[in-house]
Amino acid sequence: MKTFQFASIVAGLSFLKTTIAAGDGYITLGMGSIHKNDIYRVAEHMWTIDAYSVPSNNHGSYPIFGEEINGSVTRIFPIVYNGDDWRSGDFYYSVESTEDLSYIKLRYNGARYETCMVSSPE
């Protein structure tokens, strides 16, 4: 019985911590892990293309403008769950960043909405 109780507690607590560093430069969020280098690549790339220039099936066009952080406007652009470049279609992950990459956030919009701040590239 104690083993079952322990397993139940561990399973219950696992839902409390949805955002963890997966090691080796990966960020785990939602149902997947995305490497930081892929997040940085998307964060940089979205500033090289015109806003609203890449259409999606159901979500308008990207990159879109996000919040204002410390006087700088952010942009948001989708990323595929395995780190590949998003070209069109549906998505669950997106990257939000300032142009100087001082603010980078990975966002997951699946079964529930989750976010994770990502450290700036060195």
N, C-alpha and C. Protein backbone atom coordinates (compact mmCIF):
# COMPACT_ATOMS: atom_id res chain seq x y z
N MET A 1 0.81 -1.19 0.00
CA MET A 1 0.00 0.00 0.00
C MET A 1 0.86 1.26 0.00
N LYS A 2 1.98 1.25 0.71
CA LYS A 2 2.83 2.44 0.76
C LYS A 2 3.42 2.76 -0.61
N THR A 3 3.77 1.74 -1.37
CA THR A 3 4.30 1.98 -2.71
C THR A 3 3.26 2.66 -3.59
N PHE A 4 2.02 2.21 -3.49
CA PHE A 4 0.95 2.83 -4.26
C PHE A 4 0.74 4.28 -3.83
N GLN A 5 0.77 4.55 -2.54
CA GLN A 5 0.60 5.91 -2.05
C GLN A 5 1.72 6.81 -2.55
N PHE A 6 2.95 6.31 -2.49
CA PHE A 6 4.09 7.09 -2.97
C PHE A 6 3.96 7.38 -4.46
N ALA A 7 3.60 6.37 -5.24
CA ALA A 7 3.43 6.56 -6.68
C ALA A 7 2.32 7.56 -6.97
N SER A 8 1.26 7.53 -6.19
CA SER A 8 0.16 8.48 -6.38
C SER A 8 0.61 9.90 -6.08
N ILE A 9 1.39 10.07 -5.04
CA ILE A 9 1.89 11.41 -4.68
C ILE A 9 2.82 11.93 -5.77
N VAL A 10 3.73 11.10 -6.24
CA VAL A 10 4.66 11.51 -7.29
C VAL A 10 3.89 11.88 -8.56
N ALA A 11 2.92 11.08 -8.92
CA ALA A 11 2.11 11.38 -10.12
C ALA A 11 1.36 12.69 -9.95
N GLY A 12 0.83 12.92 -8.77
CA GLY A 12 0.10 14.17 -8.51
C GLY A 12 1.01 15.37 -8.56
N LEU A 13 2.20 15.26 -8.00
CA LEU A 13 3.14 16.38 -8.00
C LEU A 13 3.70 16.67 -9.38
N SER A 14 3.75 15.68 -10.24
CA SER A 14 4.31 15.89 -11.58
C SER A 14 3.49 16.91 -12.37
N PHE A 15 2.22 17.05 -12.07
CA PHE A 15 1.39 18.03 -12.77
C PHE A 15 1.66 19.44 -12.29
N LEU A 16 2.24 19.61 -11.11
CA LEU A 16 2.51 20.94 -10.58
C LEU A 16 3.68 21.60 -11.29
N LYS A 17 4.63 20.82 -11.73
CA LYS A 17 5.81 21.37 -12.37
C LYS A 17 5.76 21.04 -13.85
N THR A 18 5.13 21.91 -14.64
CA THR A 18 4.94 21.63 -16.06
C THR A 18 6.11 22.13 -16.90
N THR A 19 6.91 23.03 -16.36
CA THR A 19 8.01 23.60 -17.10
C THR A 19 9.31 23.22 -16.43
N ILE A 20 10.13 22.44 -17.10
CA ILE A 20 11.41 22.05 -16.52
C ILE A 20 12.48 22.09 -17.59
N ALA A 21 13.71 22.24 -17.15
CA ALA A 21 14.82 22.13 -18.08
C ALA A 21 15.08 20.65 -18.29
N ALA A 22 15.10 20.21 -19.51
CA ALA A 22 15.26 18.79 -19.82
C ALA A 22 16.72 18.39 -19.90
N GLY A 23 17.63 19.31 -19.72
CA GLY A 23 19.04 18.99 -19.81
C GLY A 23 19.53 19.08 -21.25
N ASP A 24 20.83 19.16 -21.40
CA ASP A 24 21.45 19.23 -22.72
C ASP A 24 20.88 20.36 -23.57
N GLY A 25 20.47 21.46 -22.95
CA GLY A 25 19.99 22.60 -23.70
C GLY A 25 18.55 22.53 -24.15
N TYR A 26 17.78 21.58 -23.67
CA TYR A 26 16.38 21.45 -24.06
C TYR A 26 15.47 22.10 -23.01
N ILE A 27 14.36 22.65 -23.48
CA ILE A 27 13.30 23.17 -22.63
C ILE A 27 12.10 22.25 -22.81
N THR A 28 11.58 21.73 -21.72
CA THR A 28 10.39 20.89 -21.77
C THR A 28 9.19 21.74 -21.38
N LEU A 29 8.20 21.75 -22.25
CA LEU A 29 7.00 22.54 -22.01
C LEU A 29 5.86 21.83 -22.71
N GLY A 30 4.72 21.73 -22.05
CA GLY A 30 3.61 21.02 -22.66
C GLY A 30 3.97 19.56 -22.85
N MET A 31 3.82 19.07 -24.06
CA MET A 31 4.04 17.66 -24.34
C MET A 31 5.39 17.37 -25.00
N GLY A 32 6.26 18.37 -25.14
CA GLY A 32 7.51 18.13 -25.84
C GLY A 32 8.67 18.90 -25.28
N SER A 33 9.83 18.68 -25.87
CA SER A 33 11.07 19.38 -25.51
C SER A 33 11.64 20.01 -26.77
N ILE A 34 12.05 21.26 -26.66
CA ILE A 34 12.60 21.98 -27.80
C ILE A 34 13.97 22.51 -27.39
N HIS A 35 14.95 22.33 -28.26
CA HIS A 35 16.31 22.77 -27.96
C HIS A 35 16.37 24.30 -27.96
N LYS A 36 17.16 24.86 -27.05
CA LYS A 36 17.30 26.31 -26.96
C LYS A 36 17.81 26.92 -28.27
N ASN A 37 18.71 26.23 -28.96
CA ASN A 37 19.23 26.77 -30.22
C ASN A 37 18.12 26.95 -31.25
N ASP A 38 17.14 26.05 -31.27
CA ASP A 38 16.00 26.20 -32.18
C ASP A 38 15.14 27.39 -31.78
N ILE A 39 14.97 27.58 -30.49
CA ILE A 39 14.20 28.72 -29.99
C ILE A 39 14.91 30.02 -30.36
N TYR A 40 16.23 30.08 -30.17
CA TYR A 40 17.00 31.27 -30.54
C TYR A 40 16.91 31.54 -32.03
N ARG A 41 16.99 30.47 -32.86
CA ARG A 41 16.92 30.63 -34.31
C ARG A 41 15.59 31.27 -34.73
N VAL A 42 14.49 30.79 -34.15
CA VAL A 42 13.17 31.35 -34.47
C VAL A 42 13.08 32.79 -33.97
N ALA A 43 13.60 33.04 -32.76
CA ALA A 43 13.56 34.39 -32.19
C ALA A 43 14.30 35.38 -33.09
N GLU A 44 15.43 34.98 -33.63
CA GLU A 44 16.18 35.86 -34.54
C GLU A 44 15.49 35.99 -35.88
N HIS A 45 15.04 34.86 -36.44
CA HIS A 45 14.46 34.85 -37.79
C HIS A 45 13.20 35.71 -37.89
N MET A 46 12.37 35.70 -36.85
CA MET A 46 11.10 36.43 -36.97
C MET A 46 11.30 37.93 -37.16
N TRP A 47 12.47 38.43 -36.79
CA TRP A 47 12.75 39.86 -36.95
C TRP A 47 13.31 40.18 -38.34
N THR A 48 13.59 39.17 -39.15
CA THR A 48 14.12 39.40 -40.50
C THR A 48 13.02 39.37 -41.56
N ILE A 49 11.80 39.04 -41.17
CA ILE A 49 10.68 38.98 -42.12
C ILE A 49 9.62 40.00 -41.72
N ASP A 50 8.81 40.38 -42.67
CA ASP A 50 7.76 41.37 -42.41
C ASP A 50 6.70 40.80 -41.49
N ALA A 51 6.15 41.66 -40.64
CA ALA A 51 5.04 41.26 -39.77
C ALA A 51 3.86 40.82 -40.62
N TYR A 52 3.17 39.80 -40.17
CA TYR A 52 1.95 39.28 -40.81
C TYR A 52 2.20 38.75 -42.23
N SER A 53 3.42 38.32 -42.54
CA SER A 53 3.73 37.89 -43.91
C SER A 53 3.61 36.38 -44.13
N VAL A 54 3.46 35.59 -43.06
CA VAL A 54 3.35 34.13 -43.21
C VAL A 54 1.98 33.69 -42.71
N PRO A 55 1.08 33.29 -43.63
CA PRO A 55 -0.28 32.92 -43.22
C PRO A 55 -0.34 31.54 -42.55
N SER A 56 -1.27 31.40 -41.62
CA SER A 56 -1.55 30.09 -41.02
C SER A 56 -2.97 29.69 -41.39
N ASN A 57 -3.32 28.45 -41.12
CA ASN A 57 -4.65 27.96 -41.48
C ASN A 57 -5.75 28.65 -40.69
N ASN A 58 -5.59 28.73 -39.39
CA ASN A 58 -6.68 29.21 -38.54
C ASN A 58 -6.31 30.36 -37.62
N HIS A 59 -5.07 30.80 -37.65
CA HIS A 59 -4.60 31.73 -36.63
C HIS A 59 -4.14 33.07 -37.18
N GLY A 60 -4.57 33.47 -38.34
CA GLY A 60 -4.10 34.73 -38.91
C GLY A 60 -2.75 34.55 -39.58
N SER A 61 -1.95 35.59 -39.58
CA SER A 61 -0.63 35.55 -40.21
C SER A 61 0.43 35.94 -39.19
N TYR A 62 1.65 35.46 -39.40
CA TYR A 62 2.75 35.68 -38.46
C TYR A 62 3.95 36.24 -39.17
N PRO A 63 4.88 36.88 -38.45
CA PRO A 63 4.88 37.13 -37.02
C PRO A 63 3.89 38.23 -36.65
N ILE A 64 3.36 38.12 -35.43
CA ILE A 64 2.46 39.14 -34.91
C ILE A 64 3.18 39.90 -33.81
N PHE A 65 2.65 41.06 -33.48
CA PHE A 65 3.22 41.84 -32.39
C PHE A 65 2.64 41.36 -31.07
N GLY A 66 3.49 41.32 -30.06
CA GLY A 66 3.08 40.88 -28.73
C GLY A 66 3.06 42.05 -27.76
N GLU A 67 3.58 41.80 -26.57
CA GLU A 67 3.58 42.79 -25.50
C GLU A 67 4.70 43.81 -25.69
N GLU A 68 4.64 44.85 -24.87
CA GLU A 68 5.76 45.77 -24.77
C GLU A 68 6.51 45.42 -23.49
N ILE A 69 7.78 45.10 -23.62
CA ILE A 69 8.62 44.71 -22.49
C ILE A 69 9.77 45.70 -22.38
N ASN A 70 9.84 46.41 -21.27
CA ASN A 70 10.92 47.39 -21.04
C ASN A 70 11.08 48.35 -22.20
N GLY A 71 9.98 48.81 -22.76
CA GLY A 71 10.01 49.77 -23.85
C GLY A 71 10.21 49.17 -25.23
N SER A 72 10.35 47.86 -25.32
CA SER A 72 10.53 47.20 -26.62
C SER A 72 9.34 46.30 -26.91
N VAL A 73 8.83 46.40 -28.13
CA VAL A 73 7.71 45.56 -28.54
C VAL A 73 8.24 44.16 -28.87
N THR A 74 7.47 43.15 -28.52
CA THR A 74 7.85 41.77 -28.85
C THR A 74 7.12 41.33 -30.12
N ARG A 75 7.64 40.28 -30.71
CA ARG A 75 6.97 39.59 -31.81
C ARG A 75 6.77 38.14 -31.39
N ILE A 76 5.78 37.51 -32.02
CA ILE A 76 5.46 36.11 -31.75
C ILE A 76 5.45 35.36 -33.07
N PHE A 77 6.11 34.18 -33.07
CA PHE A 77 6.16 33.35 -34.27
C PHE A 77 6.10 31.89 -33.85
N PRO A 78 5.35 31.06 -34.58
CA PRO A 78 5.23 29.64 -34.24
C PRO A 78 6.55 28.87 -34.41
N ILE A 79 6.65 27.77 -33.68
CA ILE A 79 7.76 26.83 -33.82
C ILE A 79 7.16 25.43 -33.74
N VAL A 80 7.67 24.51 -34.54
CA VAL A 80 7.18 23.14 -34.53
C VAL A 80 7.72 22.45 -33.28
N TYR A 81 6.96 21.52 -32.73
CA TYR A 81 7.31 20.86 -31.48
C TYR A 81 8.69 20.20 -31.47
N ASN A 82 9.20 19.82 -32.63
CA ASN A 82 10.52 19.18 -32.69
C ASN A 82 11.63 20.16 -33.04
N GLY A 83 11.30 21.46 -33.05
CA GLY A 83 12.29 22.49 -33.33
C GLY A 83 12.40 22.88 -34.78
N ASP A 84 11.72 22.16 -35.68
CA ASP A 84 11.76 22.51 -37.10
C ASP A 84 11.10 23.87 -37.33
N ASP A 85 11.46 24.48 -38.45
CA ASP A 85 10.85 25.76 -38.82
C ASP A 85 9.39 25.55 -39.18
N TRP A 86 8.53 26.41 -38.68
CA TRP A 86 7.11 26.37 -39.01
C TRP A 86 6.92 27.11 -40.32
N ARG A 87 6.16 26.53 -41.24
CA ARG A 87 5.90 27.15 -42.54
C ARG A 87 4.43 27.49 -42.72
N SER A 88 3.55 26.64 -42.22
CA SER A 88 2.11 26.87 -42.33
C SER A 88 1.40 25.81 -41.51
N GLY A 89 0.09 25.95 -41.41
CA GLY A 89 -0.70 24.94 -40.70
C GLY A 89 -0.85 25.23 -39.23
N ASP A 90 -1.37 24.25 -38.52
CA ASP A 90 -1.61 24.40 -37.09
C ASP A 90 -0.31 24.26 -36.31
N PHE A 91 -0.33 24.75 -35.09
CA PHE A 91 0.85 24.68 -34.22
C PHE A 91 0.40 24.77 -32.77
N TYR A 92 1.25 24.30 -31.88
CA TYR A 92 0.99 24.41 -30.44
C TYR A 92 2.01 25.28 -29.74
N TYR A 93 3.18 25.44 -30.34
CA TYR A 93 4.26 26.20 -29.71
C TYR A 93 4.52 27.48 -30.48
N SER A 94 4.92 28.52 -29.74
CA SER A 94 5.36 29.75 -30.38
C SER A 94 6.45 30.38 -29.52
N VAL A 95 7.24 31.24 -30.15
CA VAL A 95 8.32 31.95 -29.49
C VAL A 95 7.96 33.42 -29.49
N GLU A 96 8.14 34.08 -28.37
CA GLU A 96 7.94 35.53 -28.25
C GLU A 96 9.27 36.14 -27.85
N SER A 97 9.69 37.20 -28.56
CA SER A 97 10.97 37.82 -28.20
C SER A 97 11.01 39.28 -28.60
N THR A 98 11.94 40.00 -27.96
CA THR A 98 12.28 41.34 -28.39
C THR A 98 13.34 41.22 -29.48
N GLU A 99 13.53 42.28 -30.24
CA GLU A 99 14.47 42.22 -31.35
C GLU A 99 15.90 41.97 -30.89
N ASP A 100 16.27 42.51 -29.72
CA ASP A 100 17.64 42.31 -29.22
C ASP A 100 17.81 40.99 -28.46
N LEU A 101 16.75 40.18 -28.40
CA LEU A 101 16.74 38.86 -27.75
C LEU A 101 17.01 38.92 -26.25
N SER A 102 16.79 40.09 -25.65
CA SER A 102 16.95 40.19 -24.19
C SER A 102 15.75 39.58 -23.47
N TYR A 103 14.67 39.38 -24.19
CA TYR A 103 13.46 38.76 -23.64
C TYR A 103 13.03 37.67 -24.61
N ILE A 104 13.01 36.42 -24.16
CA ILE A 104 12.58 35.30 -25.00
C ILE A 104 11.67 34.41 -24.16
N LYS A 105 10.51 34.10 -24.72
CA LYS A 105 9.56 33.23 -24.02
C LYS A 105 9.08 32.15 -24.98
N LEU A 106 9.08 30.91 -24.51
CA LEU A 106 8.48 29.81 -25.24
C LEU A 106 7.07 29.65 -24.73
N ARG A 107 6.11 29.53 -25.65
CA ARG A 107 4.70 29.44 -25.28
C ARG A 107 4.11 28.14 -25.82
N TYR A 108 3.27 27.50 -25.02
CA TYR A 108 2.58 26.27 -25.43
C TYR A 108 1.09 26.50 -25.28
N ASN A 109 0.34 26.26 -26.34
CA ASN A 109 -1.10 26.44 -26.30
C ASN A 109 -1.75 25.14 -26.75
N GLY A 110 -1.72 24.16 -25.86
CA GLY A 110 -2.31 22.86 -26.15
C GLY A 110 -3.49 22.62 -25.24
N ALA A 111 -3.42 21.53 -24.48
CA ALA A 111 -4.50 21.21 -23.54
C ALA A 111 -4.68 22.34 -22.53
N ARG A 112 -3.59 23.02 -22.22
CA ARG A 112 -3.65 24.22 -21.38
C ARG A 112 -2.54 25.15 -21.84
N TYR A 113 -2.64 26.41 -21.48
CA TYR A 113 -1.66 27.41 -21.88
C TYR A 113 -0.52 27.43 -20.87
N GLU A 114 0.72 27.31 -21.35
CA GLU A 114 1.90 27.33 -20.49
C GLU A 114 2.96 28.19 -21.15
N THR A 115 3.81 28.81 -20.33
CA THR A 115 4.92 29.58 -20.86
C THR A 115 6.19 29.28 -20.07
N CYS A 116 7.32 29.58 -20.68
CA CYS A 116 8.61 29.39 -20.03
C CYS A 116 9.56 30.47 -20.54
N MET A 117 10.16 31.21 -19.63
CA MET A 117 11.18 32.18 -20.02
C MET A 117 12.43 31.41 -20.43
N VAL A 118 13.09 31.89 -21.47
CA VAL A 118 14.30 31.25 -21.99
C VAL A 118 15.43 32.25 -21.84
N SER A 119 16.55 31.82 -21.29
CA SER A 119 17.68 32.72 -21.12
C SER A 119 18.18 33.18 -22.49
N SER A 120 18.70 34.40 -22.54
CA SER A 120 19.21 34.94 -23.79
C SER A 120 20.44 34.17 -24.24
N PRO A 121 20.68 34.11 -25.55
CA PRO A 121 21.88 33.41 -26.03
C PRO A 121 23.13 34.13 -25.55
N GLU A 122 24.17 33.36 -25.34
CA GLU A 122 25.43 33.95 -24.84
C GLU A 122 26.36 34.30 -25.96
